[in-house]
């Protein structure tokens, strides 16, 4: 038999709105698209759809009409949107006021281009919510360039891709360096082997060229732009292959197995580097968030 007091408590708990669900609702309403909202919230489209569904179940009403091109708010959705904007603004005002004088200022995180989307974007979202008075800047460059930037003081901390071994940093994760090509492509068969690299300063370049030389493979550089999107485009077009960390390979590209890979490649570490001396409080907090995030990642295959 249920205890009346517990039943009343549970009913009251059900009336609490989830701020995170409301933020997702506003993002979907503003973009009229689950996909665009997912990009804005740094979540998967499936997660966005699930959050909207949970909110609709909590409120026992449909918030979006899905039977027409693009998402349109229902009458209930329109009513909720205006009040939700006020609620979120009040929530953010309270947070800022209560955390005033805590941690504020700027922190500059250096990282390679390939780590932004898969590893760091979710951390930035959580960090911004926890420390709204800290302004985070991302400085994207190759790992050797980031080491120099840390010494020069133009970044406050950095994620560096390095061969596994001794390092001045703190190893957060060890990953396979893998060959990548177009799905069902044939670029790996060409002679000389066309290899697309982001830049001459790419941290993977010495390992790639050393492996090819040890195997006696002839190769040519197809493209070096300093732009990972351009490199990705050449691989998608089956004009070349490249080498990336396994966790950063886009789903529409293929990790070349032993039957296609021109050589074996060494493992690489993702290392966290802090400057000599005592880092700022905001840099220490961001470093703590990065450690926690990488610790939650599934074990690399």
Protein backbone atom coordinates (compact mmCIF):
# COMPACT_ATOMS: atom_id res chain seq x y z
CA UNK A 1 0.00 0.00 0.00
CA UNK A 2 1.44 3.37 -0.99
CA UNK A 3 2.11 5.92 1.72
CA UNK A 4 0.15 9.14 1.00
CA UNK A 5 3.09 11.37 1.85
CA UNK A 6 5.34 9.61 -0.67
CA UNK A 7 2.65 9.77 -3.37
CA UNK A 8 2.31 13.53 -2.83
CA UNK A 9 6.08 13.95 -2.94
CA UNK A 10 6.32 12.10 -6.25
CA UNK A 11 3.53 14.22 -7.73
CA UNK A 12 5.36 17.39 -6.77
CA UNK A 13 8.60 16.10 -8.23
CA UNK A 14 6.85 15.50 -11.57
CA UNK A 15 6.03 19.22 -11.77
CA UNK A 16 9.70 20.27 -11.95
CA UNK A 17 10.75 21.34 -15.44
CA UNK A 18 14.09 20.16 -16.81
CA UNK A 19 16.14 23.21 -17.89
CA UNK A 20 18.19 21.15 -20.34
CA UNK A 21 15.04 19.89 -22.08
CA UNK A 22 13.78 23.46 -22.32
CA UNK A 23 17.05 24.62 -23.91
CA UNK A 24 16.69 21.88 -26.51
CA UNK A 25 13.05 22.87 -27.15
CA UNK A 26 14.09 26.49 -27.80
CA UNK A 27 16.93 25.37 -30.09
CA UNK A 28 14.55 23.24 -32.18
CA UNK A 29 11.99 26.04 -32.31
CA UNK A 30 14.60 28.60 -33.37
CA UNK A 31 16.09 26.39 -36.11
CA UNK A 32 12.88 24.58 -37.17
CA UNK A 33 15.08 21.51 -37.58
CA UNK A 34 16.22 18.65 -35.35
CA UNK A 35 19.48 18.41 -37.28
CA UNK A 36 20.32 22.11 -36.97
CA UNK A 37 19.38 22.06 -33.28
CA UNK A 38 21.65 19.05 -32.77
CA UNK A 39 24.56 20.98 -34.27
CA UNK A 40 23.80 24.00 -32.10
CA UNK A 41 23.53 21.91 -28.93
CA UNK A 42 26.48 19.62 -29.80
CA UNK A 43 24.26 16.56 -29.49
CA UNK A 44 23.15 13.84 -31.87
CA UNK A 45 19.89 14.21 -33.76
CA UNK A 46 18.62 11.15 -31.90
CA UNK A 47 19.33 12.77 -28.54
CA UNK A 48 17.50 15.95 -29.60
CA UNK A 49 14.45 13.96 -30.74
CA UNK A 50 14.43 12.01 -27.48
CA UNK A 51 14.62 15.18 -25.38
CA UNK A 52 11.72 16.79 -27.25
CA UNK A 53 9.69 13.61 -26.83
CA UNK A 54 10.42 13.56 -23.08
CA UNK A 55 9.29 17.15 -22.74
CA UNK A 56 6.08 16.45 -24.66
CA UNK A 57 5.41 13.45 -22.43
CA UNK A 58 5.99 15.52 -19.29
CA UNK A 59 3.62 18.26 -20.48
CA UNK A 60 1.19 15.78 -22.08
CA UNK A 61 0.92 17.78 -25.29
CA UNK A 62 2.50 17.98 -28.74
CA UNK A 63 4.86 20.91 -29.17
CA UNK A 64 5.71 20.50 -32.87
CA UNK A 65 3.66 19.59 -35.93
CA UNK A 66 5.64 17.00 -37.86
CA UNK A 67 3.27 16.43 -40.78
CA UNK A 68 4.66 19.19 -43.00
CA UNK A 69 8.08 20.23 -44.39
CA UNK A 70 10.10 21.73 -41.55
CA UNK A 71 9.06 21.69 -37.92
CA UNK A 72 6.29 24.07 -36.95
CA UNK A 73 5.23 24.92 -33.41
CA UNK A 74 1.77 23.84 -32.35
CA UNK A 75 -0.41 26.30 -30.47
CA UNK A 76 0.82 24.76 -27.21
CA UNK A 77 4.40 25.03 -28.44
CA UNK A 78 4.00 28.71 -29.23
CA UNK A 79 2.56 29.30 -25.77
CA UNK A 80 5.43 27.45 -24.14
CA UNK A 81 8.16 29.16 -26.19
CA UNK A 82 7.58 32.70 -24.91
CA UNK A 83 7.46 31.61 -21.27
CA UNK A 84 10.45 29.31 -21.71
CA UNK A 85 12.59 32.17 -23.00
CA UNK A 86 11.77 34.16 -19.85
CA UNK A 87 12.49 31.16 -17.63
CA UNK A 88 15.87 30.47 -19.24
CA UNK A 89 16.83 34.15 -19.04
CA UNK A 90 15.94 34.20 -15.33
CA UNK A 91 17.86 30.96 -14.76
CA UNK A 92 20.96 32.40 -16.43
CA UNK A 93 20.64 35.69 -14.52
CA UNK A 94 20.46 33.84 -11.20
CA UNK A 95 23.45 31.71 -12.10
CA UNK A 96 25.56 34.72 -13.12
CA UNK A 97 24.59 36.69 -10.03
CA UNK A 98 25.26 33.85 -7.59
CA UNK A 99 28.60 32.92 -9.14
CA UNK A 100 29.86 36.51 -9.42
CA UNK A 101 33.39 36.79 -8.07
CA UNK A 102 33.96 33.05 -8.47
CA UNK A 103 35.86 32.17 -11.64
CA UNK A 104 35.87 34.60 -14.51
CA UNK A 105 38.13 35.82 -17.29
CA UNK A 106 39.43 34.23 -20.48
CA UNK A 107 40.99 30.86 -21.17
CA UNK A 108 42.53 29.90 -24.51
CA UNK A 109 42.57 26.21 -25.39
CA UNK A 110 44.86 25.06 -28.18
CA UNK A 111 43.98 21.86 -30.02
CA UNK A 112 44.42 20.19 -33.42
CA UNK A 113 41.60 20.60 -35.92
CA UNK A 114 40.61 16.93 -35.81
CA UNK A 115 39.82 16.92 -32.08
CA UNK A 116 37.30 19.76 -32.11
CA UNK A 117 34.09 17.98 -33.08
CA UNK A 118 34.45 14.46 -31.65
CA UNK A 119 36.20 15.16 -28.35
CA UNK A 120 36.08 18.80 -27.27
CA UNK A 121 32.77 20.37 -28.38
CA UNK A 122 30.73 18.51 -25.70
CA UNK A 123 33.22 19.62 -23.03
CA UNK A 124 32.86 23.24 -24.09
CA UNK A 125 29.09 23.04 -23.72
CA UNK A 126 29.27 21.69 -20.16
CA UNK A 127 32.07 24.07 -19.18
CA UNK A 128 30.14 27.10 -20.44
CA UNK A 129 27.14 26.10 -18.32
CA UNK A 130 29.29 25.54 -15.22
CA UNK A 131 31.39 28.71 -15.64
CA UNK A 132 29.28 31.26 -17.54
CA UNK A 133 31.67 34.11 -16.67
CA UNK A 134 34.65 32.43 -18.32
CA UNK A 135 35.19 33.23 -22.00
CA UNK A 136 36.70 30.25 -23.81
CA UNK A 137 38.64 30.68 -27.05
CA UNK A 138 39.68 27.73 -29.22
CA UNK A 139 42.99 28.06 -31.05
CA UNK A 140 43.26 25.38 -33.75
CA UNK A 141 46.68 24.49 -35.15
CA UNK A 142 48.97 21.50 -35.59
CA UNK A 143 50.47 19.93 -32.49
CA UNK A 144 54.03 21.28 -33.07
CA UNK A 145 52.60 24.77 -33.55
CA UNK A 146 50.59 24.45 -30.34
CA UNK A 147 53.68 23.50 -28.33
CA UNK A 148 55.30 26.74 -29.52
CA UNK A 149 52.13 28.70 -28.73
CA UNK A 150 52.12 27.35 -25.17
CA UNK A 151 55.73 28.45 -24.66
CA UNK A 152 54.96 31.87 -26.14
CA UNK A 153 51.91 32.26 -23.91
CA UNK A 154 49.38 32.63 -26.71
CA UNK A 155 47.39 29.65 -25.37
CA UNK A 156 46.75 28.75 -21.73
CA UNK A 157 46.63 24.97 -22.17
CA UNK A 158 46.72 22.62 -25.11
CA UNK A 159 45.76 19.16 -26.31
CA UNK A 160 48.71 17.73 -28.21
CA UNK A 161 48.85 14.65 -30.43
CA UNK A 162 52.21 12.92 -29.90
CA UNK A 163 53.77 9.48 -30.41
CA UNK A 164 53.26 7.26 -27.39
CA UNK A 165 56.20 7.60 -25.00
CA UNK A 166 57.83 10.20 -22.83
CA UNK A 167 56.01 13.50 -22.80
CA UNK A 168 56.03 16.76 -20.90
CA UNK A 169 52.25 16.55 -20.78
CA UNK A 170 49.64 14.30 -19.20
CA UNK A 171 48.34 11.43 -21.32
CA UNK A 172 44.55 11.50 -21.52
CA UNK A 173 44.08 8.82 -24.18
CA UNK A 174 46.01 6.50 -26.49
CA UNK A 175 44.57 5.89 -29.95
CA UNK A 176 45.32 3.95 -33.09
CA UNK A 177 46.62 5.97 -36.03
CA UNK A 178 44.81 4.45 -39.01
CA UNK A 179 44.74 4.78 -42.78
CA UNK A 180 41.51 6.26 -44.09
CA UNK A 181 39.98 6.13 -47.56
CA UNK A 182 36.70 6.51 -49.41
CA UNK A 183 34.22 3.70 -48.83
CA UNK A 184 34.79 1.04 -51.49
CA UNK A 185 37.40 3.35 -52.99
CA UNK A 186 40.55 2.43 -54.90
CA UNK A 187 43.00 5.24 -54.11
CA UNK A 188 45.03 2.87 -51.92
CA UNK A 189 45.88 0.82 -55.03
CA UNK A 190 47.45 3.68 -57.00
CA UNK A 191 51.17 3.98 -57.68
CA UNK A 192 52.70 6.13 -56.42
CA UNK A 193 50.38 6.20 -53.43
CA UNK A 194 48.46 9.53 -53.22
CA UNK A 195 48.52 10.78 -49.62
CA UNK A 196 46.54 13.83 -48.51
CA UNK A 197 47.95 15.67 -45.49
CA UNK A 198 46.59 18.70 -43.66
CA UNK A 199 49.94 20.51 -43.41
CA UNK A 200 53.69 19.99 -43.36
CA UNK A 201 53.61 20.57 -39.60
CA UNK A 202 51.06 17.77 -39.05
CA UNK A 203 52.08 15.68 -36.02
CA UNK A 204 51.33 12.46 -37.94
CA UNK A 205 53.49 13.31 -40.97
CA UNK A 206 56.86 11.96 -39.68
CA UNK A 207 55.25 8.67 -38.60
CA UNK A 208 53.40 8.31 -41.93
CA UNK A 209 56.44 9.00 -44.09
CA UNK A 210 58.69 6.79 -41.95
CA UNK A 211 56.23 3.90 -42.24
CA UNK A 212 55.99 4.29 -46.02
CA UNK A 213 59.77 4.48 -46.36
CA UNK A 214 60.26 1.36 -44.22
CA UNK A 215 57.76 -0.48 -46.43
CA UNK A 216 59.47 0.73 -49.59
CA UNK A 217 56.27 2.33 -50.90
CA UNK A 218 56.46 5.19 -53.36
CA UNK A 219 54.11 8.02 -52.50
CA UNK A 220 53.21 11.54 -53.51
CA UNK A 221 51.50 14.34 -51.62
CA UNK A 222 48.20 15.15 -53.27
CA UNK A 223 47.15 18.08 -51.09
CA UNK A 224 48.51 20.08 -48.18
CA UNK A 225 46.25 22.94 -47.21
CA UNK A 226 46.21 23.35 -43.46
CA UNK A 227 42.46 22.77 -43.77
CA UNK A 228 41.02 19.48 -42.56
CA UNK A 229 37.82 19.97 -44.57
CA UNK A 230 39.81 20.14 -47.81
CA UNK A 231 41.77 17.03 -46.87
CA UNK A 232 38.52 15.23 -46.08
CA UNK A 233 37.08 16.26 -49.44
CA UNK A 234 40.00 14.72 -51.37
CA UNK A 235 39.58 11.45 -49.48
CA UNK A 236 35.80 11.38 -50.03
CA UNK A 237 36.41 11.91 -53.74
CA UNK A 238 38.75 8.86 -53.71
CA UNK A 239 41.65 11.01 -54.89
CA UNK A 240 43.89 10.05 -51.98
CA UNK A 241 44.09 8.35 -48.61
CA UNK A 242 45.11 9.93 -45.33
CA UNK A 243 45.85 8.92 -41.73
CA UNK A 244 43.86 9.99 -38.66
CA UNK A 245 43.18 8.85 -35.13
CA UNK A 246 40.55 6.11 -35.21
CA UNK A 247 37.99 8.03 -33.12
CA UNK A 248 38.09 11.06 -35.43
CA UNK A 249 37.28 9.24 -38.69
CA UNK A 250 33.94 10.44 -40.17
CA UNK A 251 31.30 7.72 -40.43
CA UNK A 252 31.08 7.99 -44.22
CA UNK A 253 34.78 7.15 -44.68
CA UNK A 254 36.48 3.79 -44.32
CA UNK A 255 39.25 2.75 -41.96
CA UNK A 256 41.46 0.66 -44.24
CA UNK A 257 42.01 -2.83 -42.86
CA UNK A 258 45.17 -4.94 -43.20
CA UNK A 259 44.16 -5.99 -46.73
CA UNK A 260 44.06 -2.37 -47.93
CA UNK A 261 46.34 -0.37 -45.62
CA UNK A 262 49.70 0.32 -47.28
CA UNK A 263 51.62 0.00 -43.99
CA UNK A 264 51.03 -0.37 -40.28
CA UNK A 265 51.10 2.83 -38.24
CA UNK A 266 52.07 3.50 -34.61
CA UNK A 267 49.69 4.48 -31.82
CA UNK A 268 49.46 8.13 -30.82
CA UNK A 269 48.67 9.78 -27.50
CA UNK A 270 46.42 12.74 -26.82
CA UNK A 271 48.32 14.65 -24.14
CA UNK A 272 47.22 17.60 -22.03
CA UNK A 273 49.90 20.28 -21.72
CA UNK A 274 49.83 23.12 -19.20
CA UNK A 275 52.29 26.02 -19.10
CA UNK A 276 55.25 26.10 -16.76
CA UNK A 277 54.34 27.86 -13.54
CA UNK A 278 50.86 27.99 -12.05
CA UNK A 279 48.00 28.05 -14.59
CA UNK A 280 45.08 30.41 -14.08
CA UNK A 281 42.06 29.14 -12.16
CA UNK A 282 39.99 29.01 -15.33
CA UNK A 283 42.70 26.98 -17.10
CA UNK A 284 42.82 24.57 -14.16
CA UNK A 285 39.04 24.12 -14.25
CA UNK A 286 39.04 23.54 -18.01
CA UNK A 287 41.87 21.01 -17.62
CA UNK A 288 39.79 19.23 -14.97
CA UNK A 289 36.80 19.14 -17.33
CA UNK A 290 38.93 17.73 -20.17
CA UNK A 291 40.33 15.00 -17.92
CA UNK A 292 36.84 13.99 -16.81
CA UNK A 293 35.49 13.99 -20.37
CA UNK A 294 38.29 11.84 -21.81
CA UNK A 295 37.97 9.45 -18.86
CA UNK A 296 34.31 8.87 -19.81
CA UNK A 297 35.08 8.03 -23.43
CA UNK A 298 34.78 4.34 -24.35
CA UNK A 299 37.99 2.40 -24.63
CA UNK A 300 39.61 2.85 -28.02
CA UNK A 301 39.25 -0.18 -30.29
